[in-house]
Every structure is written in C-alpha cells, then in structure tokens.
C-alpha cells in the first residue's frame, strides 16, 4: 500500500462527520469515492483486499463496457477483442489494483460513451436520462471525468448527428453541469493546496501523448485498410474511430494544454482514454484476423507467434506493476520497520509532516509511539495529516527526549523550508547522534540518541 492508497484507507475509516469536515478543507474532488469506500469498509473491513476490490470490479465493468461498445460499433468479434485488450493495457492494470477512484471513473465514462452511441442511433428519453446520470456520476467521482464530454462533442460533429440530437445532448450536458458545479467550484478552490506539487507538462509527457495519439490514428487507418466488406456486423451506423479516436486523444490533450497555464495534468486523471485505445486495437485485430484467416497455414502460424510475442512483451510490465517498486513508497514496509525499532512511548518525528500518512493506516503501530510534533489529530482538524505544533514547541519537546525515531524521504529529495521542518533537522543534527538507519522503499527510518547513548 503506497501513500495515496493510505489516504483512501484512513479517510474511509473516519466517521461521516469527520469525512465531511475533511472535504471542506481538501480532497473534495474525491468526496464521493471516499463515501463509497466508507460504505465498503462498513460492510466488510477486509484490509487491502477490501481497499482494492472496488477498483478491480470497476475495471471488469469497464472491460464489459468496452466490449459492448466494440460490438455495437464494429461487430461481436471486435467487441470481444477490444474488451479483452482493455484490462491488458499496463496503465489499466496499474490502476485496477489500486485503492483510488480512477478505475471507477473509467467504468462510468465507458458506459456513458456506450449509452451516447445508442442515443445518437435512436435515443429514447430513458437513454438520455441514463447518459446524463452517468456523466454526473463520473464528474462527482472526479471532476476531470467531465473532459470526456469534449470527446463526445467531437463524435457528434464527426458523425453528423442531427440537430435534434445535438440539442438534446446540450440540454443533458447543461443539466449535468449544474449538478457538478458545486463540486467543481470547491475543487478549484482547493487545487493550489492539493495540486501544488505539480509542474507544467514536461517534454516527455507531450511526447508520450503524441506517440499514443499517433499510434491510435495509425491503428485506425490499418483497421480501415484490412477490413473485408461484410466481415463486421455492427448494430450502429457510427464508425468505431469516430468514438475511439476522440476519447483517446482529446481529454488528455485538453488537460495538457490547460496545464501550460495551470498545472493540473496527471495521466491517471484521464485513465478512461485507454478505452479508446482498446477499441482501436480491437478493431485492428478484427481486421487482421479477417486477412489472416483467408491466408495459408504458414501465415496463420506466424500470426499466432506474433500474438504470443506481444503478450510476452507485456509480461515484465505486468510483473513490475504488481511489485512495491511500481509505487513511490510502501507504507506497509514503513510500518513494519517502525514496529521493529520502536518501543511503546518512543518519540517519533515525521520529516516532513505529510509523511505521517505512512503510519496513519497502521493504527496498531501508530498508537504505540509519541508523535512529538502533532498538535491536533487529522480527524479532529479536518485534514489529511493533522496540525503540527509551532517550531519553538517542537524544539522544546525534542530537547526533552533522549531517543527519537525519524521517518523521512529517501536521500536526495527536496527539503521543506518551513520553520517546523527546519527546526526538526537542526535539533537532530546539533543535539543527537544517528545510531542507525534503515532504508525501505521510498523512505528511511532513522534512530537518534543523545551523544554517547546509542548503545
């Protein structure tokens, strides 16, 4: 469990009142997800399994939605292939097994796309209501789920939707916007604190975006070239690329562009764009099978070998994603290390204060220690990591101790310039000796004692 999952775990275990207080200060964008997880843990407090089960389930639901979209846009075989490809994509695998909201957002957006296609073909009032409801849920799960609407608008333009269809769509979007405006306003107000760690998009982020978008376009062109007339049996008049390409490219492209002014871009915020890639790959594989099945046995064997090689190439990614090294840190390993070092009542410092998150999801360990700097607990203060004492108070408490355990980032990470963090480092350096240090993934635990008392 890494630090973001730890946030989910400990917030979901707070009371509804405490969750409400937190959302008024920070993380309102994840509010609905925290309430869902609160309900999950109320029904079944199953630890990490319960934490991640909703994401796994949501990925299954999204894969079924991708299959349904592929079937409607190109045919049954293309649908099965697209739905099978979706959970194999490394980025989808990564967030399928993480206790955060992104897999749930993706599932909601995928099914909103499916319902929109049906609405464009022959939409009833019930379908439009369902579409609006899904958009609202996606937006409340994460505001950036609404970026999918840009893709939907592009689809409506590309397929030449009728004027009545466009008018109804605009009414639905207006209704959804009204429903999500309160969350959007609060989230924007919290964005400086919540996303202050983000910088403007790097060259690597732009290159990755253009590479994936270009690959999607090339795959769509290939699928169009190899399709045999009559080989696909779609039930929609829409072409698959008219839905898949905008979904793949536009949400991420828009967020990257906005981030040139206001840094908000993180690829996981538009995880649902991978559904567009899966649809395109499913269509291309369907066309490829058409061409292969009409060829000689040698060509068929070669195609099977290529398919096996492609899956083998993904295996190292799949294994890495399932290891602690795929995340920034490992709160479980940190808690075990602290448990091994600390005796009941030992003084502990978190350097910086936000690393308190490492132990908040391990209450059995956290209750054993004396959190020197903490003044008001996270739940009482309506914050994620609590409120710390002033720098003079922290200094005074540190000087009353003979032994202190510190939890800090790995070496080489930037040091916070705040007075509270400066005084922690100064007092440890001037009045204490470091007796031992244990490095765990993304963190280090150090034991300090007065000079000559390390034994």
Protein backbone atom coordinates (compact mmCIF):
# COMPACT_ATOMS: atom_id res chain seq x y z
CA UNK A 1 0.00 0.00 0.00
CA UNK A 2 1.50 3.31 -1.03
CA UNK A 3 0.77 6.78 0.35
CA UNK A 4 -2.24 7.61 -1.88
CA UNK A 5 -3.91 4.32 -1.00
CA UNK A 6 -3.14 5.00 2.64
CA UNK A 7 -5.10 8.25 2.33
CA UNK A 8 -8.09 6.31 1.00
CA UNK A 9 -7.80 3.71 3.76
CA UNK A 10 -7.60 6.09 6.71
CA UNK A 11 -10.16 8.61 5.38
CA UNK A 12 -12.67 5.85 4.64
CA UNK A 13 -12.36 4.69 8.25
CA UNK A 14 -13.34 8.11 9.63
CA UNK A 15 -16.89 8.93 10.67
CA UNK A 16 -19.19 10.61 8.15
CA UNK A 17 -18.93 13.85 10.10
CA UNK A 18 -15.13 13.75 10.02
CA UNK A 19 -15.16 12.99 6.29
CA UNK A 20 -17.42 15.99 5.74
CA UNK A 21 -15.02 18.22 7.70
CA UNK A 22 -12.09 16.98 5.63
CA UNK A 23 -13.83 17.60 2.31
CA UNK A 24 -14.47 21.20 3.31
CA UNK A 25 -10.70 21.70 3.53
CA UNK A 26 -9.16 19.38 0.94
CA UNK A 27 -9.84 16.40 -1.35
CA UNK A 28 -13.43 17.34 -2.18
CA UNK A 29 -12.70 16.03 -5.67
CA UNK A 30 -12.55 12.52 -4.16
CA UNK A 31 -15.51 13.00 -1.84
CA UNK A 32 -17.96 10.58 -3.48
CA UNK A 33 -15.25 7.94 -3.73
CA UNK A 34 -14.41 8.28 -0.02
CA UNK A 35 -18.09 7.88 0.85
CA UNK A 36 -18.28 4.74 -1.31
CA UNK A 37 -15.19 3.32 0.40
CA UNK A 38 -16.63 4.24 3.81
CA UNK A 39 -19.62 2.10 2.92
CA UNK A 40 -17.40 -0.73 1.70
CA UNK A 41 -15.45 -0.84 4.95
CA UNK A 42 -18.64 -0.54 6.99
CA UNK A 43 -19.90 -3.70 5.29
CA UNK A 44 -16.57 -5.52 5.18
CA UNK A 45 -13.38 -4.29 6.82
CA UNK A 46 -11.20 -6.55 4.73
CA UNK A 47 -7.96 -4.54 4.71
CA UNK A 48 -6.08 -4.25 1.43
CA UNK A 49 -8.42 -6.68 -0.32
CA UNK A 50 -11.45 -4.54 0.53
CA UNK A 51 -9.50 -1.40 -0.37
CA UNK A 52 -8.77 -2.62 -3.90
CA UNK A 53 -11.82 -4.77 -4.66
CA UNK A 54 -13.92 -1.81 -5.95
CA UNK A 55 -11.17 -0.87 -8.43
CA UNK A 56 -10.87 -4.45 -9.67
CA UNK A 57 -14.64 -4.69 -10.03
CA UNK A 58 -14.79 -1.34 -11.82
CA UNK A 59 -12.13 -2.49 -14.30
CA UNK A 60 -14.20 -5.57 -15.07
CA UNK A 61 -17.26 -3.38 -15.60
CA UNK A 62 -15.24 -1.06 -17.86
CA UNK A 63 -13.94 -4.02 -19.89
CA UNK A 64 -17.50 -5.23 -20.41
CA UNK A 65 -18.44 -1.70 -21.49
CA UNK A 66 -15.57 -1.58 -23.98
CA UNK A 67 -16.71 -4.94 -25.37
CA UNK A 68 -20.28 -3.68 -25.69
CA UNK A 69 -19.05 -0.55 -27.49
CA UNK A 70 -16.86 -2.58 -29.85
CA UNK A 71 -19.71 -4.94 -30.64
CA UNK A 72 -22.07 -2.09 -31.41
CA UNK A 73 -19.56 -0.11 -33.50
CA UNK A 74 -17.86 -2.92 -35.43
CA UNK A 75 -19.20 -6.34 -34.57
CA UNK A 76 -19.19 -9.13 -32.00
CA UNK A 77 -15.63 -10.34 -32.58
CA UNK A 78 -14.22 -6.81 -32.46
CA UNK A 79 -16.12 -6.26 -29.22
CA UNK A 80 -14.70 -9.39 -27.61
CA UNK A 81 -11.19 -8.46 -28.71
CA UNK A 82 -11.46 -4.84 -27.52
CA UNK A 83 -12.89 -5.92 -24.17
CA UNK A 84 -10.07 -8.43 -23.77
CA UNK A 85 -7.38 -5.89 -24.69
CA UNK A 86 -8.56 -3.22 -22.24
CA UNK A 87 -7.50 -4.90 -18.97
CA UNK A 88 -4.18 -5.96 -20.54
CA UNK A 89 -3.06 -2.36 -21.13
CA UNK A 90 -0.36 -1.71 -18.48
CA UNK A 91 -1.82 1.60 -17.31
CA UNK A 92 -5.24 -0.01 -16.82
CA UNK A 93 -3.66 -2.92 -14.91
CA UNK A 94 -1.85 -0.44 -12.68
CA UNK A 95 -5.00 1.33 -11.50
CA UNK A 96 -7.14 -1.80 -11.49
CA UNK A 97 -5.22 -2.88 -8.39
CA UNK A 98 -5.02 0.48 -6.64
CA UNK A 99 -7.36 1.80 -3.98
CA UNK A 100 -8.15 5.10 -5.70
CA UNK A 101 -11.06 6.42 -7.76
CA UNK A 102 -9.63 6.28 -11.29
CA UNK A 103 -10.88 2.81 -12.24
CA UNK A 104 -14.40 3.77 -11.12
CA UNK A 105 -14.27 6.96 -13.19
CA UNK A 106 -13.18 4.94 -16.22
CA UNK A 107 -16.03 2.45 -15.87
CA UNK A 108 -18.58 5.26 -15.64
CA UNK A 109 -17.16 7.13 -18.64
CA UNK A 110 -17.03 3.98 -20.78
CA UNK A 111 -20.68 3.22 -20.16
CA UNK A 112 -21.59 6.87 -20.77
CA UNK A 113 -19.92 6.51 -24.19
CA UNK A 114 -21.91 3.37 -24.88
CA UNK A 115 -25.21 4.99 -23.96
CA UNK A 116 -24.33 8.07 -26.05
CA UNK A 117 -23.78 5.88 -29.13
CA UNK A 118 -27.20 4.34 -28.60
CA UNK A 119 -28.69 7.81 -28.16
CA UNK A 120 -27.18 9.01 -31.43
CA UNK A 121 -28.53 5.96 -33.26
CA UNK A 122 -32.03 6.12 -31.89
CA UNK A 123 -32.17 7.71 -28.46
CA UNK A 124 -35.19 7.49 -26.22
CA UNK A 125 -35.85 9.73 -23.24
CA UNK A 126 -34.78 6.94 -20.92
CA UNK A 127 -31.41 6.59 -22.65
CA UNK A 128 -30.73 10.32 -22.49
CA UNK A 129 -31.58 10.31 -18.78
CA UNK A 130 -29.21 7.38 -18.29
CA UNK A 131 -26.48 9.23 -20.18
CA UNK A 132 -26.92 12.36 -18.08
CA UNK A 133 -26.85 10.32 -14.88
CA UNK A 134 -23.62 8.57 -15.87
CA UNK A 135 -21.97 11.89 -16.72
CA UNK A 136 -22.97 13.29 -13.34
CA UNK A 137 -21.60 10.24 -11.50
CA UNK A 138 -18.34 10.42 -13.48
CA UNK A 139 -17.99 14.10 -12.60
CA UNK A 140 -18.67 13.53 -8.92
CA UNK A 141 -16.17 10.67 -8.81
CA UNK A 142 -13.58 13.04 -10.27
CA UNK A 143 -14.15 16.42 -11.90
CA UNK A 144 -11.77 15.60 -14.76
CA UNK A 145 -14.13 12.82 -15.79
CA UNK A 146 -16.06 15.65 -17.47
CA UNK A 147 -13.25 16.04 -20.03
CA UNK A 148 -14.80 13.04 -21.78
CA UNK A 149 -17.54 15.44 -22.89
CA UNK A 150 -15.04 17.06 -25.25
CA UNK A 151 -14.64 13.68 -26.94
CA UNK A 152 -18.41 13.24 -27.08
CA UNK A 153 -18.82 16.65 -28.70
CA UNK A 154 -16.23 15.71 -31.33
CA UNK A 155 -18.06 12.44 -32.02
CA UNK A 156 -21.33 14.28 -32.56
CA UNK A 157 -19.64 16.59 -35.07
CA UNK A 158 -17.77 13.85 -36.93
CA UNK A 159 -20.77 11.57 -37.40
CA UNK A 160 -23.02 14.42 -38.49
CA UNK A 161 -25.59 13.98 -35.74
CA UNK A 162 -28.96 15.53 -36.43
CA UNK A 163 -29.87 18.91 -34.99
CA UNK A 164 -32.43 17.44 -32.52
CA UNK A 165 -29.78 15.01 -31.22
CA UNK A 166 -27.32 17.86 -30.68
CA UNK A 167 -29.95 19.94 -28.94
CA UNK A 168 -30.89 17.13 -26.55
CA UNK A 169 -27.21 16.49 -25.86
CA UNK A 170 -26.67 20.12 -24.96
CA UNK A 171 -29.64 20.03 -22.59
CA UNK A 172 -28.23 16.92 -20.92
CA UNK A 173 -24.80 18.50 -20.57
CA UNK A 174 -26.33 21.65 -19.12
CA UNK A 175 -28.19 19.57 -16.53
CA UNK A 176 -25.04 17.61 -15.69
CA UNK A 177 -23.02 20.82 -15.39
CA UNK A 178 -25.50 22.33 -12.96
CA UNK A 179 -25.28 19.17 -10.86
CA UNK A 180 -21.47 19.20 -10.78
CA UNK A 181 -20.82 22.95 -10.45
CA UNK A 182 -20.76 22.89 -6.60
CA UNK A 183 -18.05 20.22 -6.59
CA UNK A 184 -16.11 21.97 -9.35
CA UNK A 185 -16.11 25.30 -7.50
CA UNK A 186 -14.91 23.75 -4.24
CA UNK A 187 -12.29 21.61 -6.03
CA UNK A 188 -10.84 24.57 -7.92
CA UNK A 189 -10.59 26.45 -4.64
CA UNK A 190 -8.60 23.57 -3.15
CA UNK A 191 -6.44 22.94 -6.22
CA UNK A 192 -3.49 25.09 -5.13
CA UNK A 193 -3.05 23.06 -1.96
CA UNK A 194 -3.95 19.73 -3.50
CA UNK A 195 -2.05 20.02 -6.79
CA UNK A 196 0.66 22.42 -5.74
CA UNK A 197 3.26 19.71 -6.23
CA UNK A 198 2.58 19.59 -9.98
CA UNK A 199 4.72 21.38 -12.53
CA UNK A 200 3.90 22.23 -16.12
CA UNK A 201 3.89 19.27 -18.56
CA UNK A 202 7.35 18.02 -19.40
CA UNK A 203 8.60 17.27 -22.89
CA UNK A 204 8.35 13.57 -22.04
CA UNK A 205 4.65 13.96 -21.20
CA UNK A 206 3.98 15.69 -24.51
CA UNK A 207 5.96 13.10 -26.48
CA UNK A 208 4.10 10.28 -24.76
CA UNK A 209 0.76 11.89 -25.55
CA UNK A 210 1.60 12.46 -29.22
CA UNK A 211 3.05 8.96 -29.57
CA UNK A 212 -0.07 7.28 -28.19
CA UNK A 213 -2.39 9.51 -30.25
CA UNK A 214 -0.39 8.89 -33.42
CA UNK A 215 -0.40 5.16 -32.73
CA UNK A 216 -4.18 5.27 -32.33
CA UNK A 217 -4.55 7.06 -35.66
CA UNK A 218 -2.25 4.56 -37.39
CA UNK A 219 -4.19 1.64 -35.90
CA UNK A 220 -7.47 3.13 -37.11
CA UNK A 221 -6.06 3.55 -40.63
CA UNK A 222 -4.80 -0.03 -40.64
CA UNK A 223 -8.18 -1.36 -39.49
CA UNK A 224 -9.89 0.55 -42.30
CA UNK A 225 -7.47 -0.88 -44.87
CA UNK A 226 -7.73 -4.54 -43.85
CA UNK A 227 -11.48 -4.69 -43.27
CA UNK A 228 -13.19 -7.02 -45.68
CA UNK A 229 -16.63 -5.87 -46.86
CA UNK A 230 -19.28 -7.64 -44.86
CA UNK A 231 -16.77 -9.01 -42.32
CA UNK A 232 -18.09 -6.89 -39.46
CA UNK A 233 -21.68 -6.74 -38.32
CA UNK A 234 -22.13 -3.60 -36.25
CA UNK A 235 -25.52 -2.54 -34.95
CA UNK A 236 -24.64 1.19 -35.03
CA UNK A 237 -24.29 3.50 -38.01
CA UNK A 238 -21.30 5.14 -36.29
CA UNK A 239 -17.77 4.15 -37.30
CA UNK A 240 -15.58 2.88 -34.49
CA UNK A 241 -12.82 5.55 -34.94
CA UNK A 242 -15.39 8.35 -34.62
CA UNK A 243 -15.88 7.32 -30.99
CA UNK A 244 -12.48 5.84 -30.11
CA UNK A 245 -10.08 8.45 -31.50
CA UNK A 246 -11.66 11.48 -29.75
CA UNK A 247 -11.81 9.54 -26.49
CA UNK A 248 -8.14 8.58 -26.81
CA UNK A 249 -6.75 11.98 -27.74
CA UNK A 250 -8.95 14.89 -26.70
CA UNK A 251 -9.30 14.64 -22.88
CA UNK A 252 -5.57 14.25 -22.35
CA UNK A 253 -4.72 16.82 -24.99
CA UNK A 254 -7.03 19.40 -23.44
CA UNK A 255 -5.70 18.78 -19.91
CA UNK A 256 -2.11 19.08 -21.14
CA UNK A 257 -2.91 22.35 -22.87
CA UNK A 258 -4.66 23.81 -19.81
CA UNK A 259 -1.69 22.73 -17.71
CA UNK A 260 0.55 25.12 -19.61
CA UNK A 261 -1.27 27.83 -17.65
CA UNK A 262 -2.50 25.95 -14.58
CA UNK A 263 -0.56 22.71 -13.89
CA UNK A 264 -3.23 20.04 -13.47
CA UNK A 265 -2.07 17.25 -15.78
CA UNK A 266 -1.52 13.75 -14.43
CA UNK A 267 -2.06 10.84 -16.81
CA UNK A 268 -4.21 8.91 -14.34
CA UNK A 269 -6.78 11.72 -14.37
CA UNK A 270 -7.68 10.64 -17.93
CA UNK A 271 -7.23 6.90 -17.48
CA UNK A 272 -10.52 6.35 -19.32
CA UNK A 273 -8.85 7.44 -22.57
CA UNK A 274 -7.29 3.97 -22.66
CA UNK A 275 -10.75 2.65 -23.55
CA UNK A 276 -10.33 4.46 -26.88
CA UNK A 277 -7.01 2.69 -27.47
CA UNK A 278 -8.56 -0.68 -26.62
CA UNK A 279 -11.42 -0.08 -29.07
CA UNK A 280 -8.99 0.80 -31.86
CA UNK A 281 -6.84 -2.24 -31.11
CA UNK A 282 -9.91 -4.48 -31.06
CA UNK A 283 -10.99 -3.17 -34.46
CA UNK A 284 -7.49 -3.62 -35.91
CA UNK A 285 -7.20 -7.15 -34.54
CA UNK A 286 -10.60 -7.97 -36.01
CA UNK A 287 -9.44 -6.78 -39.42
CA UNK A 288 -6.14 -8.60 -39.02
CA UNK A 289 -7.96 -11.86 -38.28
CA UNK A 290 -10.05 -11.38 -41.41
CA UNK A 291 -6.93 -11.14 -43.53
CA UNK A 292 -5.09 -13.97 -41.75
CA UNK A 293 -7.92 -16.49 -41.84
CA UNK A 294 -8.06 -16.25 -45.61
CA UNK A 295 -4.32 -16.96 -45.96
CA UNK A 296 -2.16 -20.06 -45.82
CA UNK A 297 -1.38 -22.13 -42.74
CA UNK A 298 2.12 -20.61 -42.58
CA UNK A 299 0.68 -17.12 -42.32
CA UNK A 300 -1.68 -18.24 -39.58
CA UNK A 301 1.16 -19.77 -37.58
CA UNK A 302 3.20 -16.59 -37.99
CA UNK A 303 0.26 -14.52 -36.75
CA UNK A 304 -0.10 -16.74 -33.67
CA UNK A 305 3.62 -16.35 -32.93
CA UNK A 306 3.32 -12.56 -33.21
CA UNK A 307 0.37 -12.57 -30.83
CA UNK A 308 2.29 -14.71 -28.33
CA UNK A 309 5.33 -12.43 -28.60
CA UNK A 310 3.16 -9.37 -27.94
CA UNK A 311 1.77 -10.91 -24.76
CA UNK A 312 5.26 -11.99 -23.67
CA UNK A 313 6.50 -8.42 -24.14
CA UNK A 314 3.80 -7.22 -21.73
CA UNK A 315 4.72 -9.77 -19.05
CA UNK A 316 7.63 -7.78 -17.50
CA UNK A 317 5.32 -4.73 -17.20
CA UNK A 318 2.61 -6.86 -15.59
CA UNK A 319 5.08 -8.24 -13.04
CA UNK A 320 6.55 -4.81 -12.26
CA UNK A 321 3.10 -3.30 -11.74
CA UNK A 322 2.39 -5.95 -9.12
CA UNK A 323 5.52 -5.16 -7.10
CA UNK A 324 6.02 -2.42 -4.46
CA UNK A 325 8.67 -0.85 -6.72
CA UNK A 326 5.95 0.31 -9.11
CA UNK A 327 4.81 2.85 -6.48
CA UNK A 328 6.61 5.76 -4.85
CA UNK A 329 6.74 4.12 -1.44
CA UNK A 330 5.42 1.24 0.65
CA UNK A 331 3.56 2.23 3.81
CA UNK A 332 3.28 -1.39 4.95
CA UNK A 333 7.08 -1.79 4.88
CA UNK A 334 7.50 1.52 6.75
CA UNK A 335 5.06 0.44 9.46
CA UNK A 336 6.85 -2.89 9.91
CA UNK A 337 10.22 -1.16 10.21
CA UNK A 338 8.90 1.28 12.82
CA UNK A 339 7.32 -1.57 14.74
CA UNK A 340 10.68 -3.34 14.80
CA UNK A 341 12.53 -0.28 16.15
CA UNK A 342 10.03 1.48 18.38
CA UNK A 343 9.11 0.67 21.95
CA UNK A 344 5.86 1.87 23.47
CA UNK A 345 6.03 5.59 24.12
CA UNK A 346 9.08 6.21 21.93
CA UNK A 347 9.26 9.69 20.42
CA UNK A 348 8.74 9.86 16.67
CA UNK A 349 9.12 12.68 14.13
CA UNK A 350 7.73 12.78 10.60
CA UNK A 351 10.04 14.73 8.30
CA UNK A 352 8.19 16.28 6.51
CA UNK A 353 4.86 16.26 8.36
CA UNK A 354 2.95 14.86 5.37
CA UNK A 355 4.83 11.57 5.80
CA UNK A 356 2.64 10.94 8.84
CA UNK A 357 0.49 9.24 6.22
CA UNK A 358 2.90 6.29 6.34
CA UNK A 359 1.61 5.25 9.77
CA UNK A 360 -1.97 6.53 9.86
CA UNK A 361 -3.16 3.35 8.16
CA UNK A 362 -1.34 1.22 10.71
CA UNK A 363 -3.10 2.30 13.94
CA UNK A 364 -1.69 -0.60 15.97
CA UNK A 365 1.82 0.77 15.32
CA UNK A 366 0.92 4.47 15.48
CA UNK A 367 -0.76 4.13 18.91
CA UNK A 368 2.48 2.81 20.41
CA UNK A 369 4.52 5.94 19.69
CA UNK A 370 4.59 9.53 20.90
CA UNK A 371 4.12 11.80 17.89
CA UNK A 372 6.28 14.68 19.10
CA UNK A 373 5.21 17.37 16.65
CA UNK A 374 1.47 16.63 16.38
CA UNK A 375 -0.85 19.16 17.99
CA UNK A 376 -4.29 18.31 16.52
CA UNK A 377 -5.08 14.90 15.01
CA UNK A 378 -6.05 14.57 11.32
CA UNK A 379 -9.67 13.68 12.10
CA UNK A 380 -10.10 16.49 14.65
CA UNK A 381 -8.54 19.10 12.37
CA UNK A 382 -10.35 18.01 9.22
CA UNK A 383 -7.04 17.48 7.42
CA UNK A 384 -5.14 14.56 5.97
CA UNK A 385 -2.05 14.70 8.20
CA UNK A 386 -3.12 16.78 11.18
CA UNK A 387 -1.83 20.11 12.51
CA UNK A 388 1.67 20.30 13.98
CA UNK A 389 2.95 22.43 16.84
CA UNK A 390 4.90 25.62 16.28
CA UNK A 391 8.64 25.44 15.68
CA UNK A 392 9.56 26.55 19.26
CA UNK A 393 7.18 23.97 20.74
CA UNK A 394 8.63 21.21 18.58
CA UNK A 395 12.17 22.20 19.61
CA UNK A 396 11.24 22.18 23.29
CA UNK A 397 9.67 18.73 23.08
CA UNK A 398 12.63 17.31 21.15
CA UNK A 399 15.11 18.56 23.75
CA UNK A 400 13.18 16.69 26.45
CA UNK A 401 13.85 13.36 24.71
CA UNK A 402 16.86 11.06 24.86
CA UNK A 403 15.86 8.93 21.87
CA UNK A 404 13.93 9.91 18.72
CA UNK A 405 12.90 7.90 15.68
CA UNK A 406 12.53 9.89 12.47
CA UNK A 407 10.65 8.94 9.32
CA UNK A 408 11.86 10.81 6.26
CA UNK A 409 12.03 10.66 2.49
CA UNK A 410 14.89 8.81 0.85
CA UNK A 411 18.13 10.74 0.44
CA UNK A 412 18.24 13.34 -2.33
CA UNK A 413 14.64 14.52 -2.03
CA UNK A 414 13.95 18.27 -1.66
CA UNK A 415 13.78 19.53 1.93
CA UNK A 416 10.80 21.59 3.06
CA UNK A 417 11.79 25.18 4.01
CA UNK A 418 9.05 25.63 6.62
CA UNK A 419 10.24 26.63 10.13
CA UNK A 420 8.73 23.49 11.69
CA UNK A 421 10.75 21.25 9.34
CA UNK A 422 13.94 23.31 9.66
CA UNK A 423 13.90 23.06 13.46
CA UNK A 424 13.47 19.27 13.34
CA UNK A 425 16.56 18.90 11.19
CA UNK A 426 18.57 21.44 13.21
CA UNK A 427 17.90 19.90 16.63
CA UNK A 428 18.65 16.36 15.45
CA UNK A 429 21.91 17.45 13.86
CA UNK A 430 23.11 19.56 16.82
CA UNK A 431 21.94 17.59 19.85
CA UNK A 432 21.63 13.97 18.69
CA UNK A 433 23.69 11.26 17.04
CA UNK A 434 22.20 9.00 14.41
CA UNK A 435 22.54 5.46 15.76
CA UNK A 436 21.12 3.50 12.86
CA UNK A 437 19.19 3.95 9.64
CA UNK A 438 17.01 1.52 7.73
CA UNK A 439 16.03 2.18 4.13
CA UNK A 440 12.74 0.84 2.87
CA UNK A 441 11.12 1.52 -0.48
CA UNK A 442 10.69 5.30 -0.79
CA UNK A 443 11.54 6.03 2.85
CA UNK A 444 14.14 5.80 5.55
CA UNK A 445 13.74 5.22 9.27
CA UNK A 446 16.50 6.62 11.48
CA UNK A 447 17.07 6.20 15.22
CA UNK A 448 18.69 9.15 17.04
CA UNK A 449 20.02 9.29 20.58
CA UNK A 450 21.93 11.71 22.76
CA UNK A 451 25.71 11.63 22.17
CA UNK A 452 27.20 8.51 23.71
CA UNK A 453 23.81 6.84 24.27
CA UNK A 454 23.36 4.93 21.01
CA UNK A 455 24.05 1.59 22.71
